[in-house]
C-alpha cells in the first residue's frame, strides 16, 4: 500500500504545483525566468514534497515544504516580491482551507474519525485528490473576469464549467465507497489510477477550453485592430478628399464669380440665383458641416453621418471643444467611433425608421474633464439581459467595442456609465483632459 500512497502523493503534488502556477497567472503575473529555471524549481519542489509521503509526521513537514515551495515559485513571476509573497500566503491559506473543507465533508459523510480516514487508502485518496480539485475550483473562481479570455463568457457558462470538478469529486467519492469492500491491491491500484485520470481530465478540459477561448480572443482582437486601422485609413482618405475638393472649389471660384457678374449685367437674375445655389451646394460638399477644430473627429462624424443617412437615422449633435486638447484625438476617435457604431446598430433594429435617432453631445464639463454623451433610440428587445454585453449571436468574437472604449477611458482615469429607460439608451463618458 505504501507504493500506492506514494503514487497518490506524487500526482497530487504535480496537480498542486500546477494550481500554484495557475494561481499566479490568474492574478495577471507573467513568468520572468526561463523555462529551464522554472522547471528546475518545480522539479525540486516536486521531489521534496513527494519525499514526505512515507513520513509518519508528514502533516507537520509537508506544510513547511509547501510554504517554501510557494515562496520559491512566487519569485518566478513578475511584480513586487512582497506582493507575490503576500499572494503566496493567501494561496497557502486557500490550500489549507480546501483540505479542511474536504476533510470535514468526508468525515461527515463517511462517519469516520480523521485517523481512520488517513489509514484507509480509498478515503485518504478521496481527501487528497478531492481537496486538490476543490483548490483548483477556488482558483478558477478567483480568476473569473480577471483573465482576459473569461471576460466575454457569461456567468452561466462559467458555472457550467465549475460543475466539472464538482461532479468529479462526487464520482471519486462514489468509487471510493464501492472499492472499500475490496481489499485486493489490484482493484485499489485501478481505482487510484482512474481517480487520477479523472483529476487529470479536469485540468485537460479547462486547458483545451481556455486554449480555444484564447485563440478566439486573439482572433477577435486582430479583427478589431484591423477594423480600427481601416477606419483610421478612411478618416485620412476623407480628409485628403476634402482638401482636394476645397482646392478645386478655390480654382473654380473665379469662373463662378465671372459667370454671376455676367448674368447680373445682363439682368439674368434666375441664372445668377441658380449659379449661387450651385456654389452653395459645392461649398456644403467641400466644407464639412462638422468643424470641431480637430480634423480626425470631423472625419469620424462625417463618415458616421453618411451611415446614418443611408439607414434613415436622424442625427443631431453639439460638439464644442477647445482648440488644444491633452487627450489624444485618435483616442477620442476610438470612443466616438465605437459609441456611434453601437448606437447605429441599435437603431437598425427599429423597424419604424421615423423612430430612429441618435444625439451626440461633446464638451468640456469642467476645466479638466471632457464629457461625451450619446443617446439613441432602442427597440423593446434592443438591450440583452446581460447588458451591457453585445447583442450579437457570436458573443466571443464581438463585444470588444465597449472593452476598447474602456481601455482608452482607463488610460485617462475616466469613467463610463451606461443606462437605458423609456426606449432610450445612453452612453456617458468622462475623461480627464490633463
Protein backbone atom coordinates (compact mmCIF):
# COMPACT_ATOMS: atom_id res chain seq x y z
CA UNK A 1 0.00 0.00 0.00
CA UNK A 2 2.96 2.36 0.57
CA UNK A 3 3.68 2.35 -3.18
CA UNK A 4 0.05 3.23 -3.91
CA UNK A 5 0.18 6.02 -1.33
CA UNK A 6 3.39 7.31 -2.88
CA UNK A 7 1.68 7.37 -6.29
CA UNK A 8 -1.25 9.33 -4.88
CA UNK A 9 1.06 11.85 -3.21
CA UNK A 10 3.18 12.17 -6.34
CA UNK A 11 0.30 13.01 -8.66
CA UNK A 12 -1.38 15.15 -6.02
CA UNK A 13 1.84 17.19 -5.72
CA UNK A 14 2.00 17.63 -9.51
CA UNK A 15 -1.60 18.88 -9.53
CA UNK A 16 -0.87 21.20 -6.58
CA UNK A 17 2.18 22.71 -8.31
CA UNK A 18 0.09 23.24 -11.43
CA UNK A 19 -2.54 25.03 -9.31
CA UNK A 20 0.15 27.24 -7.73
CA UNK A 21 1.42 28.31 -11.15
CA UNK A 22 -2.10 28.84 -12.48
CA UNK A 23 -2.96 30.91 -9.41
CA UNK A 24 -0.24 33.48 -10.15
CA UNK A 25 -1.23 33.56 -13.83
CA UNK A 26 -4.84 34.26 -12.82
CA UNK A 27 -3.56 37.24 -10.84
CA UNK A 28 -2.09 38.67 -14.04
CA UNK A 29 1.51 37.68 -13.29
CA UNK A 30 3.98 36.80 -16.02
CA UNK A 31 6.87 34.37 -15.70
CA UNK A 32 10.15 36.35 -15.62
CA UNK A 33 12.63 33.46 -15.75
CA UNK A 34 13.46 30.93 -18.45
CA UNK A 35 11.52 27.68 -18.78
CA UNK A 36 14.60 25.72 -17.70
CA UNK A 37 14.87 27.58 -14.38
CA UNK A 38 11.13 27.32 -13.80
CA UNK A 39 11.15 23.56 -14.45
CA UNK A 40 14.11 23.21 -12.09
CA UNK A 41 12.25 24.95 -9.26
CA UNK A 42 9.10 22.92 -9.87
CA UNK A 43 11.14 19.70 -10.07
CA UNK A 44 12.90 20.33 -6.76
CA UNK A 45 9.56 21.20 -5.12
CA UNK A 46 8.01 18.01 -6.51
CA UNK A 47 10.84 15.83 -5.17
CA UNK A 48 10.87 17.44 -1.70
CA UNK A 49 7.09 17.40 -1.26
CA UNK A 50 6.72 13.82 -2.52
CA UNK A 51 9.61 12.63 -0.34
CA UNK A 52 7.48 13.33 2.73
CA UNK A 53 4.99 10.60 1.71
CA UNK A 54 6.44 7.76 3.88
CA UNK A 55 7.00 10.06 6.89
CA UNK A 56 4.89 9.43 9.97
CA UNK A 57 4.79 13.14 10.81
CA UNK A 58 4.12 14.18 7.20
CA UNK A 59 1.28 16.50 8.25
CA UNK A 60 3.89 18.65 10.04
CA UNK A 61 6.69 18.58 7.47
CA UNK A 62 4.60 18.95 4.29
CA UNK A 63 3.11 22.39 5.16
CA UNK A 64 6.62 23.75 5.80
CA UNK A 65 7.87 22.44 2.45
CA UNK A 66 4.71 23.73 0.76
CA UNK A 67 5.33 27.24 2.11
CA UNK A 68 8.96 27.14 0.96
CA UNK A 69 7.86 25.91 -2.49
CA UNK A 70 5.22 28.62 -2.83
CA UNK A 71 7.76 31.30 -1.83
CA UNK A 72 10.28 29.97 -4.36
CA UNK A 73 7.65 29.78 -7.12
CA UNK A 74 6.41 33.31 -6.36
CA UNK A 75 9.88 34.61 -7.28
CA UNK A 76 9.40 33.20 -10.78
CA UNK A 77 6.69 35.73 -11.61
CA UNK A 78 6.57 39.45 -12.27
CA UNK A 79 5.60 42.06 -9.69
CA UNK A 80 6.91 43.18 -6.35
CA UNK A 81 8.40 40.36 -4.30
CA UNK A 82 6.48 41.48 -1.22
CA UNK A 83 3.19 41.42 -3.15
CA UNK A 84 3.96 37.99 -4.57
CA UNK A 85 4.82 36.70 -1.10
CA UNK A 86 1.53 38.04 0.24
CA UNK A 87 -0.31 36.35 -2.64
CA UNK A 88 1.60 33.16 -1.83
CA UNK A 89 0.44 33.31 1.79
CA UNK A 90 -3.14 33.70 0.60
CA UNK A 91 -2.67 30.69 -1.66
CA UNK A 92 -1.37 28.63 1.26
CA UNK A 93 -4.46 29.61 3.24
CA UNK A 94 -6.62 28.63 0.26
CA UNK A 95 -4.95 25.18 0.02
CA UNK A 96 -5.35 24.59 3.76
CA UNK A 97 -8.95 25.74 3.57
CA UNK A 98 -9.58 23.25 0.75
CA UNK A 99 -8.14 20.39 2.79
CA UNK A 100 -10.17 21.35 5.87
CA UNK A 101 -13.43 21.63 3.91
CA UNK A 102 -12.97 18.35 2.02
CA UNK A 103 -11.74 16.60 5.20
CA UNK A 104 -14.78 17.79 7.14
CA UNK A 105 -17.13 16.64 4.36
CA UNK A 106 -15.50 13.20 4.16
CA UNK A 107 -15.61 12.81 7.94
CA UNK A 108 -19.28 13.81 7.99
CA UNK A 109 -20.37 11.65 5.05
CA UNK A 110 -18.26 8.60 5.88
CA UNK A 111 -18.91 8.90 9.62
CA UNK A 112 -15.25 8.13 10.35
CA UNK A 113 -12.57 9.69 12.50
CA UNK A 114 -9.64 11.54 10.98
CA UNK A 115 -7.17 8.80 11.95
CA UNK A 116 -9.38 6.16 10.34
CA UNK A 117 -9.57 8.16 7.10
CA UNK A 118 -5.78 8.55 6.98
CA UNK A 119 -5.33 4.81 7.43
CA UNK A 120 -7.97 3.88 4.86
CA UNK A 121 -6.40 4.11 1.42
CA UNK A 122 -9.62 4.78 -0.51
CA UNK A 123 -10.74 7.61 1.76
CA UNK A 124 -7.22 9.01 2.01
CA UNK A 125 -7.12 9.24 -1.77
CA UNK A 126 -10.54 10.92 -1.83
CA UNK A 127 -9.33 13.51 0.68
CA UNK A 128 -6.08 14.24 -1.18
CA UNK A 129 -7.43 14.39 -4.75
CA UNK A 130 -10.77 15.97 -3.89
CA UNK A 131 -9.07 18.77 -1.92
CA UNK A 132 -6.81 19.36 -4.94
CA UNK A 133 -9.84 19.63 -7.23
CA UNK A 134 -11.57 21.93 -4.75
CA UNK A 135 -8.50 24.20 -4.62
CA UNK A 136 -8.45 24.22 -8.44
CA UNK A 137 -12.12 25.24 -8.41
CA UNK A 138 -11.42 28.12 -5.98
CA UNK A 139 -8.52 29.35 -8.12
CA UNK A 140 -10.81 29.37 -11.16
CA UNK A 141 -13.37 31.43 -9.25
CA UNK A 142 -10.64 33.91 -8.26
CA UNK A 143 -9.50 34.13 -11.87
CA UNK A 144 -13.00 34.69 -13.30
CA UNK A 145 -13.18 38.10 -15.03
CA UNK A 146 -9.52 38.75 -14.17
CA UNK A 147 -8.30 36.63 -17.07
CA UNK A 148 -8.98 38.27 -20.45
CA UNK A 149 -10.39 35.15 -22.09
CA UNK A 150 -13.16 34.89 -19.45
CA UNK A 151 -14.38 38.50 -19.80
CA UNK A 152 -16.82 37.68 -22.60
CA UNK A 153 -18.04 34.41 -21.09
CA UNK A 154 -21.40 34.51 -19.35
CA UNK A 155 -21.73 33.58 -15.69
CA UNK A 156 -23.97 30.62 -16.56
CA UNK A 157 -21.29 29.20 -18.90
CA UNK A 158 -18.62 29.66 -16.24
CA UNK A 159 -20.77 27.97 -13.58
CA UNK A 160 -21.36 25.12 -16.01
CA UNK A 161 -17.59 24.66 -16.27
CA UNK A 162 -17.28 24.61 -12.49
CA UNK A 163 -19.70 21.69 -12.36
CA UNK A 164 -16.98 19.51 -13.94
CA UNK A 165 -14.68 19.43 -10.85
CA UNK A 166 -17.71 19.24 -8.54
CA UNK A 167 -19.09 16.14 -10.29
CA UNK A 168 -15.56 14.71 -10.47
CA UNK A 169 -15.26 14.90 -6.68
CA UNK A 170 -18.62 13.15 -6.33
CA UNK A 171 -17.54 10.44 -8.79
CA UNK A 172 -14.26 9.86 -6.94
CA UNK A 173 -16.07 9.55 -3.63
CA UNK A 174 -18.63 7.19 -5.16
CA UNK A 175 -15.85 4.93 -6.42
CA UNK A 176 -14.16 5.07 -3.00
CA UNK A 177 -17.34 3.88 -1.28
CA UNK A 178 -17.61 0.99 -3.75
CA UNK A 179 -13.95 -0.04 -3.62
CA UNK A 180 -13.62 -0.09 0.16
CA UNK A 181 -15.21 -3.55 0.20
CA UNK A 182 -12.36 -4.91 -1.93
CA UNK A 183 -9.03 -5.29 -0.20
CA UNK A 184 -7.26 -6.50 -3.31
CA UNK A 185 -4.28 -4.32 -4.29
CA UNK A 186 -5.09 -4.69 -8.00
CA UNK A 187 -8.55 -3.18 -7.61
CA UNK A 188 -7.15 -0.44 -5.36
CA UNK A 189 -4.47 0.41 -7.95
CA UNK A 190 -7.12 0.55 -10.68
CA UNK A 191 -9.29 2.80 -8.52
CA UNK A 192 -6.37 5.15 -7.81
CA UNK A 193 -5.41 5.22 -11.50
CA UNK A 194 -8.96 6.02 -12.62
CA UNK A 195 -9.28 8.73 -9.95
CA UNK A 196 -6.01 10.33 -11.06
CA UNK A 197 -7.23 10.24 -14.67
CA UNK A 198 -10.47 11.92 -13.57
CA UNK A 199 -8.44 14.71 -11.96
CA UNK A 200 -6.20 14.98 -14.98
CA UNK A 201 -9.23 15.20 -17.29
CA UNK A 202 -10.42 18.26 -15.33
CA UNK A 203 -7.19 20.12 -15.96
CA UNK A 204 -7.20 18.95 -19.59
CA UNK A 205 -10.79 20.09 -20.22
CA UNK A 206 -10.09 23.54 -18.79
CA UNK A 207 -6.81 23.76 -20.70
CA UNK A 208 -8.47 22.90 -24.03
CA UNK A 209 -11.38 25.23 -23.35
CA UNK A 210 -9.11 28.13 -22.40
CA UNK A 211 -6.82 27.48 -25.36
CA UNK A 212 -9.79 27.70 -27.72
CA UNK A 213 -11.07 30.83 -25.96
CA UNK A 214 -7.63 32.39 -26.15
CA UNK A 215 -7.41 31.62 -29.87
CA UNK A 216 -10.83 33.16 -30.48
CA UNK A 217 -9.96 36.14 -28.28
CA UNK A 218 -6.72 36.81 -30.17
CA UNK A 219 -8.53 36.47 -33.50
CA UNK A 220 -11.23 38.89 -32.38
CA UNK A 221 -8.56 41.32 -31.18
CA UNK A 222 -6.81 41.15 -34.55
CA UNK A 223 -10.09 41.80 -36.32
CA UNK A 224 -10.74 44.79 -34.06
CA UNK A 225 -7.28 46.20 -34.74
CA UNK A 226 -7.77 45.71 -38.48
CA UNK A 227 -11.13 47.47 -38.25
CA UNK A 228 -9.62 50.41 -36.37
CA UNK A 229 -6.74 50.68 -38.85
CA UNK A 230 -9.24 50.54 -41.71
CA UNK A 231 -11.36 53.25 -40.08
CA UNK A 232 -8.35 55.49 -39.49
CA UNK A 233 -7.33 54.98 -43.14
CA UNK A 234 -10.83 56.01 -44.21
CA UNK A 235 -10.65 59.08 -41.96
CA UNK A 236 -7.41 60.24 -43.56
CA UNK A 237 -8.73 59.47 -47.04
CA UNK A 238 -11.79 61.55 -46.26
CA UNK A 239 -9.64 64.45 -45.04
CA UNK A 240 -7.49 64.22 -48.19
CA UNK A 241 -10.57 64.20 -50.44
CA UNK A 242 -11.95 67.26 -48.65
CA UNK A 243 -8.72 69.13 -49.21
CA UNK A 244 -8.80 68.26 -52.93
CA UNK A 245 -12.42 69.44 -53.17
CA UNK A 246 -11.56 72.72 -51.42
CA UNK A 247 -8.65 73.35 -53.79
CA UNK A 248 -10.87 72.55 -56.77
CA UNK A 249 -13.57 74.90 -55.50
CA UNK A 250 -10.98 77.62 -54.94
CA UNK A 251 -9.76 77.15 -58.52
CA UNK A 252 -13.31 77.32 -59.93
CA UNK A 253 -14.44 80.24 -57.78
CA UNK A 254 -13.18 82.90 -60.21
CA UNK A 255 -15.18 81.31 -63.01
CA UNK A 256 -18.29 81.21 -60.83
CA UNK A 257 -17.90 84.85 -59.87
CA UNK A 258 -17.33 85.90 -63.51
CA UNK A 259 -20.44 84.00 -64.55
CA UNK A 260 -22.58 85.56 -61.82
CA UNK A 261 -21.26 89.01 -62.70
CA UNK A 262 -22.14 88.45 -66.34
CA UNK A 263 -25.67 87.25 -65.51
CA UNK A 264 -26.25 90.27 -63.32
CA UNK A 265 -25.02 92.65 -66.03
CA UNK A 266 -27.42 91.07 -68.49
CA UNK A 267 -30.19 91.10 -65.82
CA UNK A 268 -30.49 87.32 -65.96
CA UNK A 269 -31.31 87.05 -62.29
CA UNK A 270 -32.68 83.50 -62.36
CA UNK A 271 -29.44 82.20 -63.88
CA UNK A 272 -27.44 84.15 -61.29
CA UNK A 273 -29.53 82.59 -58.48
CA UNK A 274 -29.00 79.09 -59.90
CA UNK A 275 -25.26 79.77 -60.05
CA UNK A 276 -25.28 80.90 -56.43
CA UNK A 277 -27.21 77.77 -55.46
CA UNK A 278 -24.59 75.67 -57.22
CA UNK A 279 -21.82 77.45 -55.31
CA UNK A 280 -23.71 76.84 -52.06
CA UNK A 281 -24.08 73.12 -52.84
CA UNK A 282 -20.41 72.81 -53.73
CA UNK A 283 -19.42 74.61 -50.53
CA UNK A 284 -21.60 72.27 -48.48
CA UNK A 285 -19.93 69.24 -50.06
CA UNK A 286 -16.41 70.60 -49.83
CA UNK A 287 -16.58 72.12 -46.38
CA UNK A 288 -17.60 69.89 -43.54
CA UNK A 289 -20.76 70.69 -41.66
CA UNK A 290 -18.76 69.47 -38.65
CA UNK A 291 -15.99 71.83 -37.68
CA UNK A 292 -14.79 70.78 -34.23
CA UNK A 293 -11.31 72.16 -34.75
CA UNK A 294 -9.98 68.59 -34.83
CA UNK A 295 -9.89 67.08 -38.36
CA UNK A 296 -9.87 63.45 -37.20
CA UNK A 297 -13.07 63.95 -35.18
CA UNK A 298 -14.67 65.80 -38.11
CA UNK A 299 -13.87 62.83 -40.34
CA UNK A 300 -15.44 60.38 -37.87
CA UNK A 301 -18.61 62.46 -37.66
CA UNK A 302 -18.86 62.77 -41.44
CA UNK A 303 -18.47 59.02 -42.01
CA UNK A 304 -20.97 58.09 -39.30
CA UNK A 305 -23.42 60.71 -40.60
CA UNK A 306 -23.33 59.10 -44.03
CA UNK A 307 -24.09 55.70 -42.48
CA UNK A 308 -26.99 57.22 -40.54
CA UNK A 309 -28.38 58.93 -43.65
CA UNK A 310 -28.32 55.62 -45.52
CA UNK A 311 -30.27 53.97 -42.67
CA UNK A 312 -32.73 56.83 -42.18
CA UNK A 313 -31.41 57.71 -38.73
CA UNK A 314 -31.94 61.29 -37.56
CA UNK A 315 -28.70 62.66 -36.14
CA UNK A 316 -28.28 65.79 -34.02
CA UNK A 317 -25.03 66.83 -32.43
CA UNK A 318 -23.50 69.51 -30.27
CA UNK A 319 -19.71 69.43 -30.21
CA UNK A 320 -17.88 72.28 -28.50
CA UNK A 321 -14.22 71.58 -27.85
CA UNK A 322 -11.19 73.77 -27.18
CA UNK A 323 -8.58 74.14 -29.90
CA UNK A 324 -5.97 72.41 -27.75
CA UNK A 325 -6.71 69.05 -26.11
CA UNK A 326 -4.49 66.99 -23.82
CA UNK A 327 -6.46 63.88 -24.78
CA UNK A 328 -5.14 62.30 -27.97
CA UNK A 329 -7.74 62.92 -30.69
CA UNK A 330 -7.21 59.38 -32.02
CA UNK A 331 -8.21 58.06 -28.59
CA UNK A 332 -11.32 60.23 -28.79
CA UNK A 333 -11.97 58.74 -32.23
CA UNK A 334 -11.96 55.25 -30.67
CA UNK A 335 -14.54 56.30 -28.08
CA UNK A 336 -16.67 58.28 -30.52
CA UNK A 337 -16.45 55.73 -33.35
CA UNK A 338 -17.34 52.71 -31.18
CA UNK A 339 -20.06 54.62 -29.34
CA UNK A 340 -21.73 55.72 -32.57
CA UNK A 341 -21.30 52.24 -34.09
CA UNK A 342 -23.21 50.74 -31.15
CA UNK A 343 -25.90 53.42 -31.46
CA UNK A 344 -26.26 52.79 -35.21
CA UNK A 345 -26.50 49.03 -34.60
CA UNK A 346 -29.26 49.59 -32.02
CA UNK A 347 -31.21 51.91 -34.35
CA UNK A 348 -31.03 49.38 -37.20
CA UNK A 349 -33.20 47.02 -35.11
CA UNK A 350 -36.05 49.54 -35.01
CA UNK A 351 -38.42 48.71 -37.86
CA UNK A 352 -40.07 52.15 -37.86
CA UNK A 353 -37.44 54.47 -39.39
CA UNK A 354 -39.32 57.50 -38.04
CA UNK A 355 -38.30 56.46 -34.53
CA UNK A 356 -34.60 56.13 -35.28
CA UNK A 357 -32.47 58.87 -33.80
CA UNK A 358 -29.03 59.48 -32.31
CA UNK A 359 -27.99 62.51 -30.28
CA UNK A 360 -24.38 63.40 -29.50
CA UNK A 361 -23.04 65.92 -27.02
CA UNK A 362 -19.30 66.57 -26.58
CA UNK A 363 -17.99 69.40 -24.44
CA UNK A 364 -15.75 70.33 -21.54
CA UNK A 365 -17.92 69.93 -18.46
CA UNK A 366 -15.19 71.45 -16.28
CA UNK A 367 -11.70 72.82 -16.70
CA UNK A 368 -10.13 69.34 -16.70
CA UNK A 369 -12.99 66.98 -17.58
CA UNK A 370 -14.23 66.18 -21.09
CA UNK A 371 -17.75 64.78 -21.44
CA UNK A 372 -19.10 62.60 -24.25
CA UNK A 373 -22.76 61.66 -24.18
CA UNK A 374 -24.50 59.56 -26.83
CA UNK A 375 -28.25 58.85 -26.70
CA UNK A 376 -30.08 56.68 -29.19
CA UNK A 377 -33.41 55.00 -29.67
CA UNK A 378 -33.67 51.29 -28.98
CA UNK A 379 -36.28 48.66 -29.72
CA UNK A 380 -38.06 46.87 -26.88
CA UNK A 381 -35.69 43.91 -27.22
CA UNK A 382 -32.71 46.09 -28.12
CA UNK A 383 -30.90 45.53 -24.82
CA UNK A 384 -29.94 41.93 -23.95
CA UNK A 385 -30.49 40.59 -20.45
CA UNK A 386 -26.75 40.52 -19.87
CA UNK A 387 -26.50 44.25 -20.78
CA UNK A 388 -24.12 45.92 -21.43
CA UNK A 389 -22.72 42.86 -23.25
CA UNK A 390 -23.04 42.61 -27.02
CA UNK A 391 -26.39 41.61 -28.53
CA UNK A 392 -24.75 39.75 -31.40
CA UNK A 393 -25.06 35.97 -31.57
CA UNK A 394 -21.32 35.32 -31.77
CA UNK A 395 -20.52 36.70 -28.32
CA UNK A 396 -16.92 35.55 -28.33
CA UNK A 397 -15.92 37.44 -31.44
CA UNK A 398 -17.87 40.60 -30.68
CA UNK A 399 -18.44 42.86 -27.70
CA UNK A 400 -14.95 44.33 -27.89
CA UNK A 401 -16.29 47.82 -28.73
CA UNK A 402 -17.09 48.65 -25.11
CA UNK A 403 -13.90 46.95 -23.96
CA UNK A 404 -11.86 49.02 -26.42
CA UNK A 405 -13.57 52.18 -25.20
CA UNK A 406 -12.99 51.20 -21.57
CA UNK A 407 -9.27 50.69 -22.15
CA UNK A 408 -8.99 54.23 -23.57
CA UNK A 409 -11.10 55.66 -20.74
CA UNK A 410 -8.93 53.93 -18.14
CA UNK A 411 -5.89 55.48 -19.80
CA UNK A 412 -7.22 58.92 -18.85
CA UNK A 413 -8.60 57.90 -15.41
CA UNK A 414 -12.11 58.36 -16.73
CA UNK A 415 -15.49 56.81 -16.18
CA UNK A 416 -18.02 55.06 -18.43
CA UNK A 417 -21.67 54.84 -17.49
CA UNK A 418 -24.42 53.05 -19.43
CA UNK A 419 -28.15 53.28 -18.77
CA UNK A 420 -31.44 52.89 -20.61
CA UNK A 421 -35.04 53.93 -19.93
CA UNK A 422 -38.16 54.62 -21.99
CA UNK A 423 -36.67 53.08 -25.14
CA UNK A 424 -33.65 55.42 -24.96
CA UNK A 425 -30.11 54.15 -24.49
CA UNK A 426 -27.49 56.48 -23.03
CA UNK A 427 -23.73 56.15 -23.01
CA UNK A 428 -21.93 58.75 -20.88
CA UNK A 429 -18.15 59.08 -20.78
CA UNK A 430 -15.93 61.32 -18.67
CA UNK A 431 -12.18 61.55 -19.27
CA UNK A 432 -9.56 63.76 -17.70
CA UNK A 433 -8.11 66.35 -20.05
CA UNK A 434 -4.85 66.87 -18.14
